[in-house]
Amino acid sequence: MAFEAIKAEIRALLEQSIEEPEDTHELHEQLLEKLNQIRATGMPLPDDLVALEQELTRRRDRLPPQQ
Protein backbone atom coordinates (compact mmCIF):
# COMPACT_ATOMS: atom_id res chain seq x y z
CA MET A 1 0.00 0.00 0.00
CA ALA A 2 1.35 3.43 -0.88
CA PHE A 3 2.65 5.66 1.89
CA GLU A 4 0.10 8.39 1.17
CA ALA A 5 -2.79 5.89 1.30
CA ILE A 6 -1.63 4.61 4.68
CA LYS A 7 -1.36 8.17 5.98
CA ALA A 8 -4.93 8.82 4.79
CA GLU A 9 -6.11 5.71 6.66
CA ILE A 10 -4.31 6.89 9.80
CA ARG A 11 -6.00 10.28 9.50
CA ALA A 12 -9.41 8.57 9.15
CA LEU A 13 -8.74 6.40 12.21
CA LEU A 14 -7.77 9.45 14.26
CA GLU A 15 -10.96 11.21 13.25
CA GLN A 16 -12.94 8.10 14.16
CA SER A 17 -11.25 8.00 17.58
CA ILE A 18 -12.55 11.50 18.25
CA GLU A 19 -16.07 10.64 17.12
CA GLU A 20 -16.22 7.23 18.84
CA PRO A 21 -14.02 7.37 21.96
CA GLU A 22 -15.58 4.19 23.36
CA ASP A 23 -13.69 2.15 20.73
CA THR A 24 -10.29 3.46 21.82
CA HIS A 25 -8.59 0.09 22.30
CA GLU A 26 -9.50 -1.20 18.84
CA LEU A 27 -8.59 2.09 17.18
CA HIS A 28 -5.18 2.12 18.88
CA GLU A 29 -4.49 -1.37 17.58
CA GLN A 30 -5.51 -0.36 14.05
CA LEU A 31 -3.34 2.74 14.16
CA LEU A 32 -0.33 0.76 15.35
CA GLU A 33 -0.93 -1.72 12.53
CA LYS A 34 -0.94 1.12 9.96
CA LEU A 35 2.32 2.48 11.35
CA ASN A 36 3.86 -0.98 10.98
CA GLN A 37 2.65 -1.06 7.37
CA ILE A 38 4.57 2.14 6.72
CA ARG A 39 7.69 0.52 8.19
CA ALA A 40 7.16 -2.52 5.97
CA THR A 41 7.44 -0.29 2.89
CA GLY A 42 10.98 0.56 3.97
CA MET A 43 10.03 4.19 4.52
CA PRO A 44 11.11 5.74 7.80
CA LEU A 45 8.31 7.05 9.97
CA PRO A 46 8.13 10.83 10.23
CA ASP A 47 8.91 12.17 13.70
CA ASP A 48 5.29 13.07 14.39
CA LEU A 49 4.17 9.52 13.65
CA VAL A 50 6.94 8.11 15.86
CA ALA A 51 5.67 10.34 18.69
CA LEU A 52 2.10 9.18 17.96
CA GLU A 53 3.18 5.55 18.10
CA GLN A 54 4.92 6.06 21.44
CA GLU A 55 1.88 7.80 22.91
CA LEU A 56 -0.50 5.12 21.61
CA THR A 57 1.66 2.40 23.09
CA ARG A 58 1.72 4.16 26.48
CA ARG A 59 -2.06 4.58 26.39
CA ARG A 60 -2.64 1.01 25.21
CA ASP A 61 -0.58 -0.31 28.08
CA ARG A 62 -2.79 1.61 30.55
CA LEU A 63 -6.12 0.40 29.08
CA PRO A 64 -8.02 -2.33 30.89
CA PRO A 65 -8.01 -5.68 29.06
CA GLN A 66 -10.83 -6.14 26.55
CA GLN A 67 -13.36 -8.83 27.23
PDB file of N, CA and C in Angstrom:
ATOM      1  N   MET A   1       0.858  -1.172   0.000  1.00  0.00           N
ATOM      2  CA  MET A   1       0.000   0.000   0.000  1.00  0.00           C
ATOM      3  C   MET A   1       0.904   1.235   0.000  1.00  0.00           C
ATOM      4  N   ALA A   2       0.550   2.220  -0.758  1.00  0.00           N
ATOM      5  CA  ALA A   2       1.354   3.431  -0.875  1.00  0.00           C
ATOM      6  C   ALA A   2       1.352   4.217   0.433  1.00  0.00           C
ATOM      7  N   PHE A   3       2.463   4.878   0.670  1.00  0.00           N
ATOM      8  CA  PHE A   3       2.650   5.658   1.891  1.00  0.00           C
ATOM      9  C   PHE A   3       1.518   6.658   2.096  1.00  0.00           C
ATOM     10  N   GLU A   4       1.153   7.383   1.056  1.00  0.00           N
ATOM     11  CA  GLU A   4       0.096   8.394   1.174  1.00  0.00           C
ATOM     12  C   GLU A   4      -1.251   7.761   1.524  1.00  0.00           C
ATOM     13  N   ALA A   5      -1.529   6.585   0.995  1.00  0.00           N
ATOM     14  CA  ALA A   5      -2.787   5.895   1.298  1.00  0.00           C
ATOM     15  C   ALA A   5      -2.827   5.474   2.763  1.00  0.00           C
ATOM     16  N   ILE A   6      -1.695   5.006   3.269  1.00  0.00           N
ATOM     17  CA  ILE A   6      -1.629   4.607   4.677  1.00  0.00           C
ATOM     18  C   ILE A   6      -1.812   5.836   5.564  1.00  0.00           C
ATOM     19  N   LYS A   7      -1.185   6.946   5.200  1.00  0.00           N
ATOM     20  CA  LYS A   7      -1.362   8.174   5.980  1.00  0.00           C
ATOM     21  C   LYS A   7      -2.825   8.608   5.981  1.00  0.00           C
ATOM     22  N   ALA A   8      -3.504   8.454   4.855  1.00  0.00           N
ATOM     23  CA  ALA A   8      -4.925   8.817   4.790  1.00  0.00           C
ATOM     24  C   ALA A   8      -5.743   7.913   5.709  1.00  0.00           C
ATOM     25  N   GLU A   9      -5.399   6.630   5.764  1.00  0.00           N
ATOM     26  CA  GLU A   9      -6.106   5.710   6.659  1.00  0.00           C
ATOM     27  C   GLU A   9      -5.852   6.069   8.114  1.00  0.00           C
ATOM     28  N   ILE A  10      -4.630   6.467   8.436  1.00  0.00           N
ATOM     29  CA  ILE A  10      -4.310   6.890   9.801  1.00  0.00           C
ATOM     30  C   ILE A  10      -5.130   8.117  10.165  1.00  0.00           C
ATOM     31  N   ARG A  11      -5.205   9.066   9.259  1.00  0.00           N
ATOM     32  CA  ARG A  11      -6.003  10.280   9.499  1.00  0.00           C
ATOM     33  C   ARG A  11      -7.462   9.917   9.763  1.00  0.00           C
ATOM     34  N   ALA A  12      -8.015   8.989   8.970  1.00  0.00           N
ATOM     35  CA  ALA A  12      -9.412   8.568   9.154  1.00  0.00           C
ATOM     36  C   ALA A  12      -9.603   7.890  10.507  1.00  0.00           C
ATOM     37  N   LEU A  13      -8.641   7.062  10.914  1.00  0.00           N
ATOM     38  CA  LEU A  13      -8.743   6.397  12.214  1.00  0.00           C
ATOM     39  C   LEU A  13      -8.678   7.410  13.363  1.00  0.00           C
ATOM     40  N   LEU A  14      -7.840   8.419  13.219  1.00  0.00           N
ATOM     41  CA  LEU A  14      -7.766   9.454  14.256  1.00  0.00           C
ATOM     42  C   LEU A  14      -9.077  10.216  14.361  1.00  0.00           C
ATOM     43  N   GLU A  15      -9.669  10.532  13.231  1.00  0.00           N
ATOM     44  CA  GLU A  15     -10.959  11.214  13.246  1.00  0.00           C
ATOM     45  C   GLU A  15     -12.026  10.329  13.888  1.00  0.00           C
ATOM     46  N   GLN A  16     -11.979   9.037  13.573  1.00  0.00           N
ATOM     47  CA  GLN A  16     -12.939   8.103  14.163  1.00  0.00           C
ATOM     48  C   GLN A  16     -12.751   8.020  15.674  1.00  0.00           C
ATOM     49  N   SER A  17     -11.497   8.090  16.139  1.00  0.00           N
ATOM     50  CA  SER A  17     -11.252   8.001  17.580  1.00  0.00           C
ATOM     51  C   SER A  17     -11.844   9.194  18.317  1.00  0.00           C
ATOM     52  N   ILE A  18     -11.932  10.328  17.646  1.00  0.00           N
ATOM     53  CA  ILE A  18     -12.546  11.502  18.249  1.00  0.00           C
ATOM     54  C   ILE A  18     -14.063  11.341  18.300  1.00  0.00           C
ATOM     55  N   GLU A  19     -14.616  10.797  17.219  1.00  0.00           N
ATOM     56  CA  GLU A  19     -16.070  10.642  17.118  1.00  0.00           C
ATOM     57  C   GLU A  19     -16.600   9.474  17.952  1.00  0.00           C
ATOM     58  N   GLU A  20     -15.777   8.425  18.125  1.00  0.00           N
ATOM     59  CA  GLU A  20     -16.219   7.230  18.838  1.00  0.00           C
ATOM     60  C   GLU A  20     -15.191   6.846  19.904  1.00  0.00           C
ATOM     61  N   PRO A  21     -15.064   7.637  20.961  1.00  0.00           N
ATOM     62  CA  PRO A  21     -14.021   7.365  21.959  1.00  0.00           C
ATOM     63  C   PRO A  21     -14.203   6.048  22.706  1.00  0.00           C
ATOM     64  N   GLU A  22     -15.376   5.461  22.654  1.00  0.00           N
ATOM     65  CA  GLU A  22     -15.584   4.188  23.359  1.00  0.00           C
ATOM     66  C   GLU A  22     -14.839   3.030  22.698  1.00  0.00           C
ATOM     67  N   ASP A  23     -14.410   3.197  21.453  1.00  0.00           N
ATOM     68  CA  ASP A  23     -13.688   2.150  20.727  1.00  0.00           C
ATOM     69  C   ASP A  23     -12.178   2.385  20.743  1.00  0.00           C
ATOM     70  N   THR A  24     -11.685   3.044  21.765  1.00  0.00           N
ATOM     71  CA  THR A  24     -10.294   3.464  21.819  1.00  0.00           C
ATOM     72  C   THR A  24      -9.320   2.308  21.652  1.00  0.00           C
ATOM     73  N   HIS A  25      -9.539   1.212  22.354  1.00  0.00           N
ATOM     74  CA  HIS A  25      -8.595   0.093  22.302  1.00  0.00           C
ATOM     75  C   HIS A  25      -8.447  -0.427  20.873  1.00  0.00           C
ATOM     76  N   GLU A  26      -9.543  -0.679  20.205  1.00  0.00           N
ATOM     77  CA  GLU A  26      -9.501  -1.199  18.836  1.00  0.00           C
ATOM     78  C   GLU A  26      -8.863  -0.195  17.885  1.00  0.00           C
ATOM     79  N   LEU A  27      -9.174   1.070  18.046  1.00  0.00           N
ATOM     80  CA  LEU A  27      -8.595   2.094  17.184  1.00  0.00           C
ATOM     81  C   LEU A  27      -7.085   2.204  17.387  1.00  0.00           C
ATOM     82  N   HIS A  28      -6.626   2.099  18.617  1.00  0.00           N
ATOM     83  CA  HIS A  28      -5.183   2.119  18.883  1.00  0.00           C
ATOM     84  C   HIS A  28      -4.503   0.966  18.167  1.00  0.00           C
ATOM     85  N   GLU A  29      -5.084  -0.206  18.252  1.00  0.00           N
ATOM     86  CA  GLU A  29      -4.494  -1.368  17.579  1.00  0.00           C
ATOM     87  C   GLU A  29      -4.434  -1.155  16.069  1.00  0.00           C
ATOM     88  N   GLN A  30      -5.493  -0.612  15.493  1.00  0.00           N
ATOM     89  CA  GLN A  30      -5.512  -0.362  14.054  1.00  0.00           C
ATOM     90  C   GLN A  30      -4.475   0.679  13.650  1.00  0.00           C
ATOM     91  N   LEU A  31      -4.332   1.711  14.453  1.00  0.00           N
ATOM     92  CA  LEU A  31      -3.336   2.744  14.161  1.00  0.00           C
ATOM     93  C   LEU A  31      -1.922   2.177  14.231  1.00  0.00           C
ATOM     94  N   LEU A  32      -1.646   1.376  15.242  1.00  0.00           N
ATOM     95  CA  LEU A  32      -0.325   0.764  15.353  1.00  0.00           C
ATOM     96  C   LEU A  32      -0.051  -0.154  14.167  1.00  0.00           C
ATOM     97  N   GLU A  33      -1.072  -0.862  13.703  1.00  0.00           N
ATOM     98  CA  GLU A  33      -0.934  -1.721  12.530  1.00  0.00           C
ATOM     99  C   GLU A  33      -0.578  -0.893  11.288  1.00  0.00           C
ATOM    100  N   LYS A  34      -1.224   0.251  11.117  1.00  0.00           N
ATOM    101  CA  LYS A  34      -0.941   1.122   9.962  1.00  0.00           C
ATOM    102  C   LYS A  34       0.493   1.649  10.023  1.00  0.00           C
ATOM    103  N   LEU A  35       0.947   2.006  11.211  1.00  0.00           N
ATOM    104  CA  LEU A  35       2.321   2.476  11.349  1.00  0.00           C
ATOM    105  C   LEU A  35       3.311   1.370  10.988  1.00  0.00           C
ATOM    106  N   ASN A  36       3.001   0.149  11.357  1.00  0.00           N
ATOM    107  CA  ASN A  36       3.856  -0.979  10.984  1.00  0.00           C
ATOM    108  C   ASN A  36       3.837  -1.212   9.475  1.00  0.00           C
ATOM    109  N   GLN A  37       2.714  -0.934   8.829  1.00  0.00           N
ATOM    110  CA  GLN A  37       2.646  -1.058   7.371  1.00  0.00           C
ATOM    111  C   GLN A  37       3.577  -0.046   6.705  1.00  0.00           C
ATOM    112  N   ILE A  38       3.655   1.145   7.267  1.00  0.00           N
ATOM    113  CA  ILE A  38       4.574   2.143   6.717  1.00  0.00           C
ATOM    114  C   ILE A  38       6.006   1.633   6.841  1.00  0.00           C
ATOM    115  N   ARG A  39       6.344   1.076   7.999  1.00  0.00           N
ATOM    116  CA  ARG A  39       7.692   0.523   8.193  1.00  0.00           C
ATOM    117  C   ARG A  39       7.982  -0.580   7.177  1.00  0.00           C
ATOM    118  N   ALA A  40       6.981  -1.396   6.894  1.00  0.00           N
ATOM    119  CA  ALA A  40       7.160  -2.518   5.967  1.00  0.00           C
ATOM    120  C   ALA A  40       7.480  -2.051   4.553  1.00  0.00           C
ATOM    121  N   THR A  41       7.117  -0.815   4.221  1.00  0.00           N
ATOM    122  CA  THR A  41       7.436  -0.287   2.890  1.00  0.00           C
ATOM    123  C   THR A  41       8.900   0.118   2.801  1.00  0.00           C
ATOM    124  N   GLY A  42       9.589   0.142   3.947  1.00  0.00           N
ATOM    125  CA  GLY A  42      10.977   0.563   3.972  1.00  0.00           C
ATOM    126  C   GLY A  42      11.133   2.053   4.194  1.00  0.00           C
ATOM    127  N   MET A  43      10.005   2.745   4.281  1.00  0.00           N
ATOM    128  CA  MET A  43      10.032   4.187   4.516  1.00  0.00           C
ATOM    129  C   MET A  43      10.192   4.434   6.013  1.00  0.00           C
ATOM    130  N   PRO A  44      11.021   5.392   6.381  1.00  0.00           N
ATOM    131  CA  PRO A  44      11.108   5.737   7.804  1.00  0.00           C
ATOM    132  C   PRO A  44       9.842   6.491   8.215  1.00  0.00           C
ATOM    133  N   LEU A  45       9.461   6.306   9.461  1.00  0.00           N
ATOM    134  CA  LEU A  45       8.311   7.045   9.973  1.00  0.00           C
ATOM    135  C   LEU A  45       8.712   8.484  10.246  1.00  0.00           C
ATOM    136  N   PRO A  46       7.868   9.437   9.851  1.00  0.00           N
ATOM    137  CA  PRO A  46       8.132  10.831  10.229  1.00  0.00           C
ATOM    138  C   PRO A  46       8.105  10.976  11.754  1.00  0.00           C
ATOM    139  N   ASP A  47       8.808  11.968  12.256  1.00  0.00           N
ATOM    140  CA  ASP A  47       8.915  12.169  13.704  1.00  0.00           C
ATOM    141  C   ASP A  47       7.559  12.265  14.391  1.00  0.00           C
ATOM    142  N   ASP A  48       6.596  12.938  13.746  1.00  0.00           N
ATOM    143  CA  ASP A  48       5.288  13.074  14.388  1.00  0.00           C
ATOM    144  C   ASP A  48       4.586  11.727  14.514  1.00  0.00           C
ATOM    145  N   LEU A  49       4.789  10.837  13.549  1.00  0.00           N
ATOM    146  CA  LEU A  49       4.169   9.515  13.652  1.00  0.00           C
ATOM    147  C   LEU A  49       4.898   8.628  14.664  1.00  0.00           C
ATOM    148  N   VAL A  50       6.195   8.819  14.816  1.00  0.00           N
ATOM    149  CA  VAL A  50       6.941   8.105  15.864  1.00  0.00           C
ATOM    150  C   VAL A  50       6.412   8.534  17.237  1.00  0.00           C
ATOM    151  N   ALA A  51       6.211   9.832  17.416  1.00  0.00           N
ATOM    152  CA  ALA A  51       5.665  10.336  18.690  1.00  0.00           C
ATOM    153  C   ALA A  51       4.258   9.795  18.909  1.00  0.00           C
ATOM    154  N   LEU A  52       3.455   9.743  17.852  1.00  0.00           N
ATOM    155  CA  LEU A  52       2.100   9.185  17.957  1.00  0.00           C
ATOM    156  C   LEU A  52       2.164   7.725  18.376  1.00  0.00           C
ATOM    157  N   GLU A  53       3.047   6.961  17.761  1.00  0.00           N
ATOM    158  CA  GLU A  53       3.179   5.547  18.097  1.00  0.00           C
ATOM    159  C   GLU A  53       3.559   5.368  19.568  1.00  0.00           C
ATOM    160  N   GLN A  54       4.499   6.163  20.043  1.00  0.00           N
ATOM    161  CA  GLN A  54       4.921   6.056  21.441  1.00  0.00           C
ATOM    162  C   GLN A  54       3.777   6.392  22.387  1.00  0.00           C
ATOM    163  N   GLU A  55       3.021   7.422  22.063  1.00  0.00           N
ATOM    164  CA  GLU A  55       1.883   7.804  22.906  1.00  0.00           C
ATOM    165  C   GLU A  55       0.803   6.727  22.881  1.00  0.00           C
ATOM    166  N   LEU A  56       0.517   6.180  21.706  1.00  0.00           N
ATOM    167  CA  LEU A  56      -0.497   5.122  21.609  1.00  0.00           C
ATOM    168  C   LEU A  56      -0.096   3.893  22.408  1.00  0.00           C
ATOM    169  N   THR A  57       1.176   3.561  22.346  1.00  0.00           N
ATOM    170  CA  THR A  57       1.658   2.403  23.093  1.00  0.00           C
ATOM    171  C   THR A  57       1.526   2.634  24.594  1.00  0.00           C
ATOM    172  N   ARG A  58       1.875   3.837  25.048  1.00  0.00           N
ATOM    173  CA  ARG A  58       1.717   4.157  26.482  1.00  0.00           C
ATOM    174  C   ARG A  58       0.246   4.057  26.893  1.00  0.00           C
ATOM    175  N   ARG A  59      -0.620   4.625  26.065  1.00  0.00           N
ATOM    176  CA  ARG A  59      -2.058   4.583  26.388  1.00  0.00           C
ATOM    177  C   ARG A  59      -2.595   3.162  26.341  1.00  0.00           C
ATOM    178  N   ARG A  60      -2.176   2.395  25.339  1.00  0.00           N
ATOM    179  CA  ARG A  60      -2.642   1.013  25.211  1.00  0.00           C
ATOM    180  C   ARG A  60      -2.252   0.208  26.442  1.00  0.00           C
ATOM    181  N   ASP A  61      -1.053   0.440  26.921  1.00  0.00           N
ATOM    182  CA  ASP A  61      -0.577  -0.310  28.084  1.00  0.00           C
ATOM    183  C   ASP A  61      -1.358   0.040  29.357  1.00  0.00           C
ATOM    184  N   ARG A  62      -2.005   1.204  29.378  1.00  0.00           N
ATOM    185  CA  ARG A  62      -2.792   1.612  30.546  1.00  0.00           C
ATOM    186  C   ARG A  62      -4.261   1.205  30.439  1.00  0.00           C
ATOM    187  N   LEU A  63      -4.691   0.761  29.257  1.00  0.00           N
ATOM    188  CA  LEU A  63      -6.115   0.397  29.078  1.00  0.00           C
ATOM    189  C   LEU A  63      -6.417  -0.910  29.785  1.00  0.00           C
ATOM    190  N   PRO A  64      -7.634  -1.044  30.312  1.00  0.00           N
ATOM    191  CA  PRO A  64      -8.024  -2.329  30.888  1.00  0.00           C
ATOM    192  C   PRO A  64      -8.143  -3.371  29.767  1.00  0.00           C
ATOM    193  N   PRO A  65      -7.907  -4.638  30.081  1.00  0.00           N
ATOM    194  CA  PRO A  65      -8.011  -5.684  29.056  1.00  0.00           C
ATOM    195  C   PRO A  65      -9.438  -5.728  28.480  1.00  0.00           C
ATOM    196  N   GLN A  66      -9.516  -5.993  27.177  1.00  0.00           N
ATOM    197  CA  GLN A  66     -10.830  -6.135  26.552  1.00  0.00           C
ATOM    198  C   GLN A  66     -11.389  -7.500  26.849  1.00  0.00           C
ATOM    199  N   GLN A  67     -12.709  -7.544  26.958  1.00  0.00           N
ATOM    200  CA  GLN A  67     -13.363  -8.834  27.235  1.00  0.00           C
ATOM    201  C   GLN A  67     -13.934  -9.404  25.974  1.00  0.00           C
TER     202      GLN A  67
END
